[in-house]
Amino acid sequence: MSTNQNFVLRSVLKCPECGHRNVETMPTDACQFFYECTNCQTVLKPKAGDCCVYCSYGSVACPPVQLDQECC
């Protein structure tokens, strides 16, 4: 991924089970398929049709989606 393009790297993940929110830095070189809630320990997985947990539960989509590129 080119470093001269603008995209947001921080996203607030919201757990659908307990509502806890946590700010995370998204990877730029891989999709994150699993995320364990730091409050209730529920393991989040992407919803059907989404490529990663950030696209499903985050305040900002992952960098490839932000740049209209193919994701994982």
N, C-alpha and C. Protein backbone atom coordinates (compact mmCIF):
# COMPACT_ATOMS: atom_id res chain seq x y z
N MET A 1 0.85 -1.17 0.00
CA MET A 1 0.00 0.00 0.00
C MET A 1 0.90 1.23 0.00
N SER A 2 0.59 2.17 -0.79
CA SER A 2 1.38 3.38 -0.92
C SER A 2 1.26 4.24 0.33
N THR A 3 2.39 4.81 0.75
CA THR A 3 2.38 5.65 1.95
C THR A 3 2.02 7.09 1.65
N ASN A 4 1.88 7.46 0.37
CA ASN A 4 1.56 8.85 0.04
C ASN A 4 0.05 9.08 -0.09
N GLN A 5 -0.76 8.07 0.17
CA GLN A 5 -2.21 8.24 0.10
C GLN A 5 -2.74 8.47 1.50
N ASN A 6 -3.80 9.26 1.60
CA ASN A 6 -4.37 9.58 2.90
C ASN A 6 -5.46 8.59 3.29
N PHE A 7 -5.33 8.05 4.49
CA PHE A 7 -6.36 7.21 5.05
C PHE A 7 -6.22 7.26 6.57
N VAL A 8 -7.28 6.90 7.25
CA VAL A 8 -7.32 6.93 8.71
C VAL A 8 -6.85 5.58 9.23
N LEU A 9 -5.96 5.60 10.21
CA LEU A 9 -5.45 4.35 10.77
C LEU A 9 -6.08 3.98 12.11
N ARG A 10 -6.78 4.91 12.74
CA ARG A 10 -7.38 4.63 14.04
C ARG A 10 -8.89 4.47 13.88
N SER A 11 -9.41 3.46 14.56
CA SER A 11 -10.84 3.19 14.50
C SER A 11 -11.32 2.81 15.90
N VAL A 12 -12.54 3.18 16.21
CA VAL A 12 -13.14 2.81 17.49
C VAL A 12 -13.98 1.55 17.25
N LEU A 13 -13.54 0.44 17.83
CA LEU A 13 -14.30 -0.80 17.72
C LEU A 13 -15.32 -0.85 18.84
N LYS A 14 -16.58 -1.16 18.49
CA LYS A 14 -17.65 -1.26 19.48
C LYS A 14 -18.13 -2.71 19.53
N CYS A 15 -18.03 -3.31 20.71
CA CYS A 15 -18.46 -4.68 20.90
C CYS A 15 -19.99 -4.76 20.82
N PRO A 16 -20.52 -5.64 19.98
CA PRO A 16 -21.98 -5.76 19.87
C PRO A 16 -22.60 -6.46 21.08
N GLU A 17 -21.79 -7.14 21.88
CA GLU A 17 -22.31 -7.86 23.05
C GLU A 17 -22.46 -6.96 24.26
N CYS A 18 -21.42 -6.19 24.58
CA CYS A 18 -21.46 -5.39 25.81
C CYS A 18 -21.44 -3.88 25.57
N GLY A 19 -21.19 -3.46 24.32
CA GLY A 19 -21.18 -2.04 23.99
C GLY A 19 -19.88 -1.33 24.30
N HIS A 20 -18.90 -2.05 24.82
CA HIS A 20 -17.59 -1.45 25.14
C HIS A 20 -16.94 -0.94 23.86
N ARG A 21 -16.29 0.21 23.97
CA ARG A 21 -15.59 0.82 22.84
C ARG A 21 -14.11 0.89 23.14
N ASN A 22 -13.30 0.61 22.13
CA ASN A 22 -11.86 0.66 22.29
C ASN A 22 -11.24 1.22 21.02
N VAL A 23 -10.32 2.17 21.16
CA VAL A 23 -9.62 2.74 20.02
C VAL A 23 -8.46 1.81 19.65
N GLU A 24 -8.40 1.43 18.39
CA GLU A 24 -7.36 0.53 17.90
C GLU A 24 -6.73 1.11 16.64
N THR A 25 -5.47 0.76 16.41
CA THR A 25 -4.78 1.12 15.18
C THR A 25 -4.92 -0.04 14.21
N MET A 26 -5.42 0.25 13.02
CA MET A 26 -5.66 -0.80 12.02
C MET A 26 -4.37 -1.16 11.30
N PRO A 27 -4.19 -2.44 11.00
CA PRO A 27 -3.03 -2.83 10.19
C PRO A 27 -3.21 -2.37 8.76
N THR A 28 -2.11 -2.06 8.08
CA THR A 28 -2.18 -1.65 6.68
C THR A 28 -1.77 -2.76 5.74
N ASP A 29 -1.23 -3.85 6.29
CA ASP A 29 -0.70 -4.92 5.45
C ASP A 29 -1.45 -6.24 5.59
N ALA A 30 -2.54 -6.26 6.35
CA ALA A 30 -3.32 -7.48 6.54
C ALA A 30 -4.70 -7.14 7.06
N CYS A 31 -5.65 -8.05 6.84
CA CYS A 31 -6.98 -7.88 7.40
C CYS A 31 -7.00 -8.49 8.80
N GLN A 32 -7.78 -7.91 9.66
CA GLN A 32 -7.94 -8.46 11.00
C GLN A 32 -9.29 -9.16 11.06
N PHE A 33 -9.25 -10.48 11.10
CA PHE A 33 -10.47 -11.28 11.07
C PHE A 33 -11.07 -11.49 12.45
N PHE A 34 -10.25 -11.42 13.49
CA PHE A 34 -10.72 -11.66 14.85
C PHE A 34 -10.26 -10.54 15.76
N TYR A 35 -11.09 -10.22 16.73
CA TYR A 35 -10.74 -9.22 17.75
C TYR A 35 -11.43 -9.63 19.04
N GLU A 36 -10.66 -9.69 20.12
CA GLU A 36 -11.24 -10.04 21.42
C GLU A 36 -11.55 -8.77 22.19
N CYS A 37 -12.81 -8.59 22.57
CA CYS A 37 -13.24 -7.43 23.34
C CYS A 37 -12.45 -7.41 24.64
N THR A 38 -11.89 -6.24 24.95
CA THR A 38 -11.10 -6.11 26.17
C THR A 38 -11.96 -6.05 27.42
N ASN A 39 -13.27 -5.92 27.26
CA ASN A 39 -14.17 -5.85 28.41
C ASN A 39 -14.82 -7.21 28.71
N CYS A 40 -15.46 -7.83 27.71
CA CYS A 40 -16.21 -9.07 27.96
C CYS A 40 -15.56 -10.31 27.35
N GLN A 41 -14.46 -10.13 26.63
CA GLN A 41 -13.70 -11.21 26.00
C GLN A 41 -14.45 -11.92 24.87
N THR A 42 -15.53 -11.34 24.37
CA THR A 42 -16.20 -11.89 23.19
C THR A 42 -15.26 -11.74 22.00
N VAL A 43 -15.14 -12.80 21.20
CA VAL A 43 -14.30 -12.74 20.01
C VAL A 43 -15.18 -12.30 18.84
N LEU A 44 -14.86 -11.13 18.29
CA LEU A 44 -15.60 -10.58 17.16
C LEU A 44 -15.05 -11.14 15.86
N LYS A 45 -15.94 -11.42 14.93
CA LYS A 45 -15.60 -11.87 13.58
C LYS A 45 -16.34 -10.96 12.61
N PRO A 46 -15.82 -10.78 11.39
CA PRO A 46 -16.51 -9.92 10.43
C PRO A 46 -17.93 -10.42 10.13
N LYS A 47 -18.83 -9.48 9.92
CA LYS A 47 -20.19 -9.83 9.48
C LYS A 47 -20.13 -10.31 8.04
N ALA A 48 -21.13 -11.06 7.61
CA ALA A 48 -21.20 -11.54 6.23
C ALA A 48 -21.08 -10.37 5.27
N GLY A 49 -20.18 -10.48 4.31
CA GLY A 49 -19.99 -9.43 3.32
C GLY A 49 -18.91 -8.43 3.67
N ASP A 50 -18.45 -8.42 4.92
CA ASP A 50 -17.38 -7.52 5.34
C ASP A 50 -16.06 -8.26 5.34
N CYS A 51 -14.97 -7.52 5.11
CA CYS A 51 -13.66 -8.17 5.00
C CYS A 51 -12.94 -8.29 6.33
N CYS A 52 -13.32 -7.47 7.32
CA CYS A 52 -12.58 -7.49 8.58
C CYS A 52 -13.45 -6.93 9.71
N VAL A 53 -12.96 -7.04 10.94
CA VAL A 53 -13.72 -6.55 12.09
C VAL A 53 -13.88 -5.04 12.07
N TYR A 54 -12.95 -4.32 11.46
CA TYR A 54 -13.06 -2.86 11.40
C TYR A 54 -14.21 -2.44 10.49
N CYS A 55 -14.41 -3.17 9.40
CA CYS A 55 -15.52 -2.84 8.50
C CYS A 55 -16.86 -3.20 9.14
N SER A 56 -16.88 -4.17 10.04
CA SER A 56 -18.12 -4.59 10.70
C SER A 56 -18.44 -3.80 11.96
N TYR A 57 -17.44 -3.53 12.79
CA TYR A 57 -17.69 -2.96 14.12
C TYR A 57 -16.94 -1.66 14.39
N GLY A 58 -16.18 -1.18 13.43
CA GLY A 58 -15.37 0.02 13.65
C GLY A 58 -16.05 1.30 13.23
N SER A 59 -15.53 2.40 13.74
CA SER A 59 -16.04 3.72 13.37
C SER A 59 -15.51 4.14 12.00
N VAL A 60 -14.44 3.47 11.54
CA VAL A 60 -13.82 3.77 10.26
C VAL A 60 -13.52 2.43 9.58
N ALA A 61 -13.80 2.33 8.29
CA ALA A 61 -13.47 1.11 7.54
C ALA A 61 -11.96 0.95 7.42
N CYS A 62 -11.51 -0.25 7.10
CA CYS A 62 -10.08 -0.53 6.98
C CYS A 62 -9.46 0.29 5.84
N PRO A 63 -8.12 0.50 5.88
CA PRO A 63 -7.46 1.33 4.87
C PRO A 63 -7.74 0.93 3.42
N PRO A 64 -7.70 -0.35 3.03
CA PRO A 64 -7.99 -0.66 1.61
C PRO A 64 -9.40 -0.24 1.20
N VAL A 65 -10.38 -0.43 2.06
CA VAL A 65 -11.75 -0.04 1.74
C VAL A 65 -11.84 1.49 1.65
N GLN A 66 -11.16 2.21 2.54
CA GLN A 66 -11.15 3.67 2.48
C GLN A 66 -10.60 4.16 1.14
N LEU A 67 -9.64 3.41 0.59
CA LEU A 67 -9.00 3.81 -0.67
C LEU A 67 -9.65 3.18 -1.89
N ASP A 68 -10.84 2.56 -1.69
CA ASP A 68 -11.56 1.89 -2.79
C ASP A 68 -10.70 0.83 -3.47
N GLN A 69 -9.96 0.08 -2.65
CA GLN A 69 -9.14 -1.02 -3.16
C GLN A 69 -9.69 -2.35 -2.67
N GLU A 70 -9.24 -3.42 -3.30
CA GLU A 70 -9.61 -4.76 -2.85
C GLU A 70 -9.03 -4.98 -1.47
N CYS A 71 -9.82 -5.60 -0.63
CA CYS A 71 -9.34 -5.94 0.70
C CYS A 71 -9.21 -7.45 0.79
N CYS A 72 -8.19 -7.90 1.40
CA CYS A 72 -7.88 -9.32 1.62
C CYS A 72 -8.68 -10.19 0.71
